[in-house]
Amino acid sequence: MLKFDNAPKKATNLSLNAKVLEMAREMGMNVSQTVDTLLAAEVRRRYWAQWNEENREAVAEYNARIASEGLPLANYRTF
């Protein structure tokens, strides 16, 4: 799982739409925190999309095996 909670902050330069930035500041938004949160969500989304693409064949093979053979240890399930 990707965790970014305790990572240190690093200063960076961003180019943002001036009107959007002005409105965000007028609304009292913490622009740095908002961008950080949204960027972390996008990084997670892209990471898992890439992982799924890279592992598509293995997942398909596993699912096919489960479909044909059933779940491992299914005979021992009590529910």
PDB file of N, CA and C in Angstrom:
ATOM      1  N   MET A   1       0.846  -1.185   0.000  1.00  0.00           N
ATOM      2  CA  MET A   1       0.000   0.000   0.000  1.00  0.00           C
ATOM      3  C   MET A   1       0.883   1.237   0.000  1.00  0.00           C
ATOM      4  N   LEU A   2       0.466   2.233  -0.713  1.00  0.00           N
ATOM      5  CA  LEU A   2       1.218   3.473  -0.781  1.00  0.00           C
ATOM      6  C   LEU A   2       0.824   4.365   0.384  1.00  0.00           C
ATOM      7  N   LYS A   3       1.812   4.746   1.171  1.00  0.00           N
ATOM      8  CA  LYS A   3       1.559   5.643   2.306  1.00  0.00           C
ATOM      9  C   LYS A   3       2.446   6.867   2.165  1.00  0.00           C
ATOM     10  N   PHE A   4       1.836   8.019   2.245  1.00  0.00           N
ATOM     11  CA  PHE A   4       2.564   9.265   2.128  1.00  0.00           C
ATOM     12  C   PHE A   4       2.428  10.117   3.391  1.00  0.00           C
ATOM     13  N   ASP A   5       1.810   9.577   4.425  1.00  0.00           N
ATOM     14  CA  ASP A   5       1.422  10.365   5.592  1.00  0.00           C
ATOM     15  C   ASP A   5       2.575  11.101   6.271  1.00  0.00           C
ATOM     16  N   ASN A   6       3.667  10.436   6.521  1.00  0.00           N
ATOM     17  CA  ASN A   6       4.739  11.040   7.317  1.00  0.00           C
ATOM     18  C   ASN A   6       5.918  11.494   6.488  1.00  0.00           C
ATOM     19  N   ALA A   7       5.765  11.611   5.199  1.00  0.00           N
ATOM     20  CA  ALA A   7       6.857  12.049   4.343  1.00  0.00           C
ATOM     21  C   ALA A   7       7.120  13.540   4.572  1.00  0.00           C
ATOM     22  N   PRO A   8       8.385  13.944   4.516  1.00  0.00           N
ATOM     23  CA  PRO A   8       8.684  15.367   4.699  1.00  0.00           C
ATOM     24  C   PRO A   8       8.169  16.192   3.525  1.00  0.00           C
ATOM     25  N   LYS A   9       7.946  17.461   3.768  1.00  0.00           N
ATOM     26  CA  LYS A   9       7.490  18.378   2.727  1.00  0.00           C
ATOM     27  C   LYS A   9       8.710  18.932   1.994  1.00  0.00           C
ATOM     28  N   LYS A  10       8.522  19.242   0.718  1.00  0.00           N
ATOM     29  CA  LYS A  10       9.583  19.820  -0.081  1.00  0.00           C
ATOM     30  C   LYS A  10       9.014  20.986  -0.860  1.00  0.00           C
ATOM     31  N   ALA A  11       9.679  22.123  -0.801  1.00  0.00           N
ATOM     32  CA  ALA A  11       9.227  23.304  -1.528  1.00  0.00           C
ATOM     33  C   ALA A  11       9.368  23.053  -3.024  1.00  0.00           C
ATOM     34  N   THR A  12       8.393  23.559  -3.776  1.00  0.00           N
ATOM     35  CA  THR A  12       8.413  23.422  -5.227  1.00  0.00           C
ATOM     36  C   THR A  12       7.712  24.612  -5.850  1.00  0.00           C
ATOM     37  N   ASN A  13       7.938  24.806  -7.120  1.00  0.00           N
ATOM     38  CA  ASN A  13       7.265  25.888  -7.847  1.00  0.00           C
ATOM     39  C   ASN A  13       6.193  25.273  -8.726  1.00  0.00           C
ATOM     40  N   LEU A  14       5.006  25.856  -8.697  1.00  0.00           N
ATOM     41  CA  LEU A  14       3.905  25.408  -9.541  1.00  0.00           C
ATOM     42  C   LEU A  14       3.364  26.589 -10.321  1.00  0.00           C
ATOM     43  N   SER A  15       2.899  26.325 -11.495  1.00  0.00           N
ATOM     44  CA  SER A  15       2.184  27.336 -12.267  1.00  0.00           C
ATOM     45  C   SER A  15       0.711  26.972 -12.207  1.00  0.00           C
ATOM     46  N   LEU A  16      -0.083  27.854 -11.617  1.00  0.00           N
ATOM     47  CA  LEU A  16      -1.510  27.605 -11.444  1.00  0.00           C
ATOM     48  C   LEU A  16      -2.301  28.716 -12.117  1.00  0.00           C
ATOM     49  N   ASN A  17      -3.525  28.401 -12.468  1.00  0.00           N
ATOM     50  CA  ASN A  17      -4.435  29.380 -13.028  1.00  0.00           C
ATOM     51  C   ASN A  17      -4.607  30.504 -12.004  1.00  0.00           C
ATOM     52  N   ALA A  18      -4.293  31.735 -12.403  1.00  0.00           N
ATOM     53  CA  ALA A  18      -4.293  32.869 -11.477  1.00  0.00           C
ATOM     54  C   ALA A  18      -5.662  33.126 -10.857  1.00  0.00           C
ATOM     55  N   LYS A  19      -6.723  32.998 -11.649  1.00  0.00           N
ATOM     56  CA  LYS A  19      -8.063  33.263 -11.121  1.00  0.00           C
ATOM     57  C   LYS A  19      -8.483  32.183 -10.127  1.00  0.00           C
ATOM     58  N   VAL A  20      -8.159  30.946 -10.434  1.00  0.00           N
ATOM     59  CA  VAL A  20      -8.491  29.852  -9.515  1.00  0.00           C
ATOM     60  C   VAL A  20      -7.716  30.026  -8.217  1.00  0.00           C
ATOM     61  N   LEU A  21      -6.450  30.372  -8.320  1.00  0.00           N
ATOM     62  CA  LEU A  21      -5.626  30.576  -7.129  1.00  0.00           C
ATOM     63  C   LEU A  21      -6.172  31.724  -6.282  1.00  0.00           C
ATOM     64  N   GLU A  22      -6.552  32.814  -6.922  1.00  0.00           N
ATOM     65  CA  GLU A  22      -7.115  33.955  -6.204  1.00  0.00           C
ATOM     66  C   GLU A  22      -8.399  33.560  -5.474  1.00  0.00           C
ATOM     67  N   MET A  23      -9.278  32.842  -6.143  1.00  0.00           N
ATOM     68  CA  MET A  23     -10.534  32.420  -5.511  1.00  0.00           C
ATOM     69  C   MET A  23     -10.273  31.461  -4.355  1.00  0.00           C
ATOM     70  N   ALA A  24      -9.330  30.549  -4.540  1.00  0.00           N
ATOM     71  CA  ALA A  24      -8.997  29.603  -3.475  1.00  0.00           C
ATOM     72  C   ALA A  24      -8.507  30.352  -2.241  1.00  0.00           C
ATOM     73  N   ARG A  25      -7.659  31.335  -2.449  1.00  0.00           N
ATOM     74  CA  ARG A  25      -7.148  32.122  -1.314  1.00  0.00           C
ATOM     75  C   ARG A  25      -8.267  32.918  -0.658  1.00  0.00           C
ATOM     76  N   GLU A  26      -9.177  33.489  -1.470  1.00  0.00           N
ATOM     77  CA  GLU A  26     -10.308  34.241  -0.923  1.00  0.00           C
ATOM     78  C   GLU A  26     -11.199  33.348  -0.066  1.00  0.00           C
ATOM     79  N   MET A  27     -11.287  32.082  -0.427  1.00  0.00           N
ATOM     80  CA  MET A  27     -12.098  31.130   0.341  1.00  0.00           C
ATOM     81  C   MET A  27     -11.345  30.567   1.538  1.00  0.00           C
ATOM     82  N   GLY A  28     -10.107  30.990   1.715  1.00  0.00           N
ATOM     83  CA  GLY A  28      -9.334  30.526   2.857  1.00  0.00           C
ATOM     84  C   GLY A  28      -8.773  29.119   2.705  1.00  0.00           C
ATOM     85  N   MET A  29      -8.692  28.660   1.466  1.00  0.00           N
ATOM     86  CA  MET A  29      -8.189  27.302   1.240  1.00  0.00           C
ATOM     87  C   MET A  29      -6.681  27.258   1.448  1.00  0.00           C
ATOM     88  N   ASN A  30      -6.217  26.149   1.983  1.00  0.00           N
ATOM     89  CA  ASN A  30      -4.790  25.886   2.083  1.00  0.00           C
ATOM     90  C   ASN A  30      -4.392  25.236   0.756  1.00  0.00           C
ATOM     91  N   VAL A  31      -3.859  26.040  -0.139  1.00  0.00           N
ATOM     92  CA  VAL A  31      -3.563  25.582  -1.490  1.00  0.00           C
ATOM     93  C   VAL A  31      -2.533  24.464  -1.475  1.00  0.00           C
ATOM     94  N   SER A  32      -1.500  24.598  -0.684  1.00  0.00           N
ATOM     95  CA  SER A  32      -0.465  23.563  -0.622  1.00  0.00           C
ATOM     96  C   SER A  32      -1.054  22.228  -0.183  1.00  0.00           C
ATOM     97  N   GLN A  33      -1.869  22.249   0.850  1.00  0.00           N
ATOM     98  CA  GLN A  33      -2.470  21.008   1.355  1.00  0.00           C
ATOM     99  C   GLN A  33      -3.441  20.416   0.343  1.00  0.00           C
ATOM    100  N   THR A  34      -4.209  21.270  -0.315  1.00  0.00           N
ATOM    101  CA  THR A  34      -5.166  20.795  -1.314  1.00  0.00           C
ATOM    102  C   THR A  34      -4.440  20.132  -2.482  1.00  0.00           C
ATOM    103  N   VAL A  35      -3.414  20.790  -2.997  1.00  0.00           N
ATOM    104  CA  VAL A  35      -2.648  20.224  -4.108  1.00  0.00           C
ATOM    105  C   VAL A  35      -1.969  18.936  -3.669  1.00  0.00           C
ATOM    106  N   ASP A  36      -1.394  18.923  -2.474  1.00  0.00           N
ATOM    107  CA  ASP A  36      -0.720  17.730  -1.961  1.00  0.00           C
ATOM    108  C   ASP A  36      -1.684  16.552  -1.869  1.00  0.00           C
ATOM    109  N   THR A  37      -2.874  16.794  -1.343  1.00  0.00           N
ATOM    110  CA  THR A  37      -3.878  15.735  -1.201  1.00  0.00           C
ATOM    111  C   THR A  37      -4.335  15.213  -2.564  1.00  0.00           C
ATOM    112  N   LEU A  38      -4.626  16.117  -3.486  1.00  0.00           N
ATOM    113  CA  LEU A  38      -5.079  15.711  -4.814  1.00  0.00           C
ATOM    114  C   LEU A  38      -3.980  15.016  -5.604  1.00  0.00           C
ATOM    115  N   LEU A  39      -2.742  15.498  -5.476  1.00  0.00           N
ATOM    116  CA  LEU A  39      -1.624  14.863  -6.173  1.00  0.00           C
ATOM    117  C   LEU A  39      -1.372  13.461  -5.634  1.00  0.00           C
ATOM    118  N   ALA A  40      -1.461  13.285  -4.315  1.00  0.00           N
ATOM    119  CA  ALA A  40      -1.290  11.958  -3.719  1.00  0.00           C
ATOM    120  C   ALA A  40      -2.358  10.995  -4.224  1.00  0.00           C
ATOM    121  N   ALA A  41      -3.593  11.467  -4.339  1.00  0.00           N
ATOM    122  CA  ALA A  41      -4.675  10.619  -4.852  1.00  0.00           C
ATOM    123  C   ALA A  41      -4.413  10.223  -6.302  1.00  0.00           C
ATOM    124  N   GLU A  42      -3.934  11.148  -7.109  1.00  0.00           N
ATOM    125  CA  GLU A  42      -3.650  10.849  -8.518  1.00  0.00           C
ATOM    126  C   GLU A  42      -2.462   9.902  -8.649  1.00  0.00           C
ATOM    127  N   VAL A  43      -1.451  10.075  -7.810  1.00  0.00           N
ATOM    128  CA  VAL A  43      -0.309   9.156  -7.831  1.00  0.00           C
ATOM    129  C   VAL A  43      -0.771   7.752  -7.469  1.00  0.00           C
ATOM    130  N   ARG A  44      -1.612   7.609  -6.445  1.00  0.00           N
ATOM    131  CA  ARG A  44      -2.154   6.288  -6.078  1.00  0.00           C
ATOM    132  C   ARG A  44      -2.947   5.678  -7.234  1.00  0.00           C
ATOM    133  N   ARG A  45      -3.806   6.480  -7.854  1.00  0.00           N
ATOM    134  CA  ARG A  45      -4.626   5.994  -8.959  1.00  0.00           C
ATOM    135  C   ARG A  45      -3.755   5.487 -10.097  1.00  0.00           C
ATOM    136  N   ARG A  46      -2.760   6.279 -10.479  1.00  0.00           N
ATOM    137  CA  ARG A  46      -1.885   5.881 -11.583  1.00  0.00           C
ATOM    138  C   ARG A  46      -1.000   4.693 -11.212  1.00  0.00           C
ATOM    139  N   TYR A  47      -0.546   4.632  -9.968  1.00  0.00           N
ATOM    140  CA  TYR A  47       0.274   3.504  -9.513  1.00  0.00           C
ATOM    141  C   TYR A  47      -0.509   2.203  -9.670  1.00  0.00           C
ATOM    142  N   TRP A  48      -1.754   2.192  -9.175  1.00  0.00           N
ATOM    143  CA  TRP A  48      -2.548   0.963  -9.233  1.00  0.00           C
ATOM    144  C   TRP A  48      -3.010   0.644 -10.652  1.00  0.00           C
ATOM    145  N   ALA A  49      -3.234   1.655 -11.472  1.00  0.00           N
ATOM    146  CA  ALA A  49      -3.557   1.405 -12.884  1.00  0.00           C
ATOM    147  C   ALA A  49      -2.375   0.742 -13.578  1.00  0.00           C
ATOM    148  N   GLN A  50      -1.179   1.231 -13.297  1.00  0.00           N
ATOM    149  CA  GLN A  50       0.036   0.646 -13.869  1.00  0.00           C
ATOM    150  C   GLN A  50       0.246  -0.767 -13.341  1.00  0.00           C
ATOM    151  N   TRP A  51       0.034  -0.962 -12.030  1.00  0.00           N
ATOM    152  CA  TRP A  51       0.189  -2.290 -11.434  1.00  0.00           C
ATOM    153  C   TRP A  51      -0.781  -3.271 -12.083  1.00  0.00           C
ATOM    154  N   ASN A  52      -2.029  -2.852 -12.238  1.00  0.00           N
ATOM    155  CA  ASN A  52      -3.032  -3.719 -12.866  1.00  0.00           C
ATOM    156  C   ASN A  52      -2.645  -4.080 -14.294  1.00  0.00           C
ATOM    157  N   GLU A  53      -2.132  -3.117 -15.038  1.00  0.00           N
ATOM    158  CA  GLU A  53      -1.716  -3.389 -16.410  1.00  0.00           C
ATOM    159  C   GLU A  53      -0.534  -4.368 -16.437  1.00  0.00           C
ATOM    160  N   GLU A  54       0.440  -4.138 -15.573  1.00  0.00           N
ATOM    161  CA  GLU A  54       1.627  -4.992 -15.540  1.00  0.00           C
ATOM    162  C   GLU A  54       1.303  -6.406 -15.064  1.00  0.00           C
ATOM    163  N   ASN A  55       0.269  -6.556 -14.273  1.00  0.00           N
ATOM    164  CA  ASN A  55      -0.067  -7.861 -13.698  1.00  0.00           C
ATOM    165  C   ASN A  55      -1.351  -8.462 -14.269  1.00  0.00           C
ATOM    166  N   ARG A  56      -1.837  -7.883 -15.352  1.00  0.00           N
ATOM    167  CA  ARG A  56      -3.090  -8.332 -15.966  1.00  0.00           C
ATOM    168  C   ARG A  56      -3.063  -9.829 -16.283  1.00  0.00           C
ATOM    169  N   GLU A  57      -1.970 -10.290 -16.872  1.00  0.00           N
ATOM    170  CA  GLU A  57      -1.876 -11.698 -17.271  1.00  0.00           C
ATOM    171  C   GLU A  57      -1.894 -12.623 -16.050  1.00  0.00           C
ATOM    172  N   ALA A  58      -1.140 -12.285 -15.017  1.00  0.00           N
ATOM    173  CA  ALA A  58      -1.095 -13.122 -13.814  1.00  0.00           C
ATOM    174  C   ALA A  58      -2.459 -13.166 -13.130  1.00  0.00           C
ATOM    175  N   VAL A  59      -3.139 -12.037 -13.059  1.00  0.00           N
ATOM    176  CA  VAL A  59      -4.464 -11.992 -12.433  1.00  0.00           C
ATOM    177  C   VAL A  59      -5.451 -12.824 -13.240  1.00  0.00           C
ATOM    178  N   ALA A  60      -5.386 -12.732 -14.564  1.00  0.00           N
ATOM    179  CA  ALA A  60      -6.289 -13.517 -15.416  1.00  0.00           C
ATOM    180  C   ALA A  60      -6.027 -15.009 -15.245  1.00  0.00           C
ATOM    181  N   GLU A  61      -4.758 -15.395 -15.169  1.00  0.00           N
ATOM    182  CA  GLU A  61      -4.424 -16.810 -14.968  1.00  0.00           C
ATOM    183  C   GLU A  61      -4.908 -17.303 -13.604  1.00  0.00           C
ATOM    184  N   TYR A  62      -4.737 -16.487 -12.581  1.00  0.00           N
ATOM    185  CA  TYR A  62      -5.201 -16.863 -11.239  1.00  0.00           C
ATOM    186  C   TYR A  62      -6.718 -17.021 -11.237  1.00  0.00           C
ATOM    187  N   ASN A  63      -7.419 -16.057 -11.824  1.00  0.00           N
ATOM    188  CA  ASN A  63      -8.877 -16.132 -11.874  1.00  0.00           C
ATOM    189  C   ASN A  63      -9.352 -17.355 -12.648  1.00  0.00           C
ATOM    190  N   ALA A  64      -8.669 -17.694 -13.740  1.00  0.00           N
ATOM    191  CA  ALA A  64      -9.025 -18.883 -14.515  1.00  0.00           C
ATOM    192  C   ALA A  64      -8.816 -20.146 -13.683  1.00  0.00           C
ATOM    193  N   ARG A  65      -7.714 -20.191 -12.929  1.00  0.00           N
ATOM    194  CA  ARG A  65      -7.458 -21.355 -12.076  1.00  0.00           C
ATOM    195  C   ARG A  65      -8.518 -21.492 -11.001  1.00  0.00           C
ATOM    196  N   ILE A  66      -8.900 -20.404 -10.383  1.00  0.00           N
ATOM    197  CA  ILE A  66      -9.938 -20.439  -9.351  1.00  0.00           C
ATOM    198  C   ILE A  66     -11.264 -20.881  -9.971  1.00  0.00           C
ATOM    199  N   ALA A  67     -11.561 -20.391 -11.169  1.00  0.00           N
ATOM    200  CA  ALA A  67     -12.807 -20.777 -11.842  1.00  0.00           C
ATOM    201  C   ALA A  67     -12.836 -22.267 -12.152  1.00  0.00           C
ATOM    202  N   SER A  68     -11.692 -22.826 -12.503  1.00  0.00           N
ATOM    203  CA  SER A  68     -11.685 -24.247 -12.875  1.00  0.00           C
ATOM    204  C   SER A  68     -11.480 -25.174 -11.683  1.00  0.00           C
ATOM    205  N   GLU A  69     -10.689 -24.758 -10.698  1.00  0.00           N
ATOM    206  CA  GLU A  69     -10.350 -25.634  -9.569  1.00  0.00           C
ATOM    207  C   GLU A  69     -11.034 -25.254  -8.268  1.00  0.00           C
ATOM    208  N   GLY A  70     -11.587 -24.067  -8.192  1.00  0.00           N
ATOM    209  CA  GLY A  70     -12.185 -23.585  -6.948  1.00  0.00           C
ATOM    210  C   GLY A  70     -11.139 -22.944  -6.052  1.00  0.00           C
ATOM    211  N   LEU A  71     -11.604 -22.434  -4.935  1.00  0.00           N
ATOM    212  CA  LEU A  71     -10.701 -21.768  -3.996  1.00  0.00           C
ATOM    213  C   LEU A  71      -9.838 -22.785  -3.262  1.00  0.00           C
ATOM    214  N   PRO A  72      -8.565 -22.450  -3.027  1.00  0.00           N
ATOM    215  CA  PRO A  72      -7.739 -23.334  -2.221  1.00  0.00           C
ATOM    216  C   PRO A  72      -8.332 -23.465  -0.813  1.00  0.00           C
ATOM    217  N   LEU A  73      -8.280 -24.634  -0.274  1.00  0.00           N
ATOM    218  CA  LEU A  73      -8.768 -24.912   1.088  1.00  0.00           C
ATOM    219  C   LEU A  73     -10.262 -24.692   1.251  1.00  0.00           C
ATOM    220  N   ALA A  74     -11.015 -24.646   0.150  1.00  0.00           N
ATOM    221  CA  ALA A  74     -12.464 -24.425   0.226  1.00  0.00           C
ATOM    222  C   ALA A  74     -13.155 -25.531   1.016  1.00  0.00           C
ATOM    223  N   ASN A  75     -12.597 -26.732   0.998  1.00  0.00           N
ATOM    224  CA  ASN A  75     -13.206 -27.857   1.734  1.00  0.00           C
ATOM    225  C   ASN A  75     -13.186 -27.633   3.233  1.00  0.00           C
ATOM    226  N   TYR A  76     -12.331 -26.758   3.710  1.00  0.00           N
ATOM    227  CA  TYR A  76     -12.187 -26.540   5.143  1.00  0.00           C
ATOM    228  C   TYR A  76     -12.966 -25.322   5.649  1.00  0.00           C
ATOM    229  N   ARG A  77     -13.680 -24.650   4.766  1.00  0.00           N
ATOM    230  CA  ARG A  77     -14.440 -23.467   5.161  1.00  0.00           C
ATOM    231  C   ARG A  77     -15.612 -23.876   6.036  1.00  0.00           C
ATOM    232  N   THR A  78     -15.883 -23.071   7.053  1.00  0.00           N
ATOM    233  CA  THR A  78     -16.998 -23.344   7.949  1.00  0.00           C
ATOM    234  C   THR A  78     -18.148 -22.362   7.757  1.00  0.00           C
ATOM    235  N   PHE A  79     -18.073 -21.544   6.754  1.00  0.00           N
ATOM    236  CA  PHE A  79     -19.135 -20.576   6.496  1.00  0.00           C
ATOM    237  C   PHE A  79     -19.619 -20.687   5.080  1.00  0.00           C
TER     238      PHE A  79
END
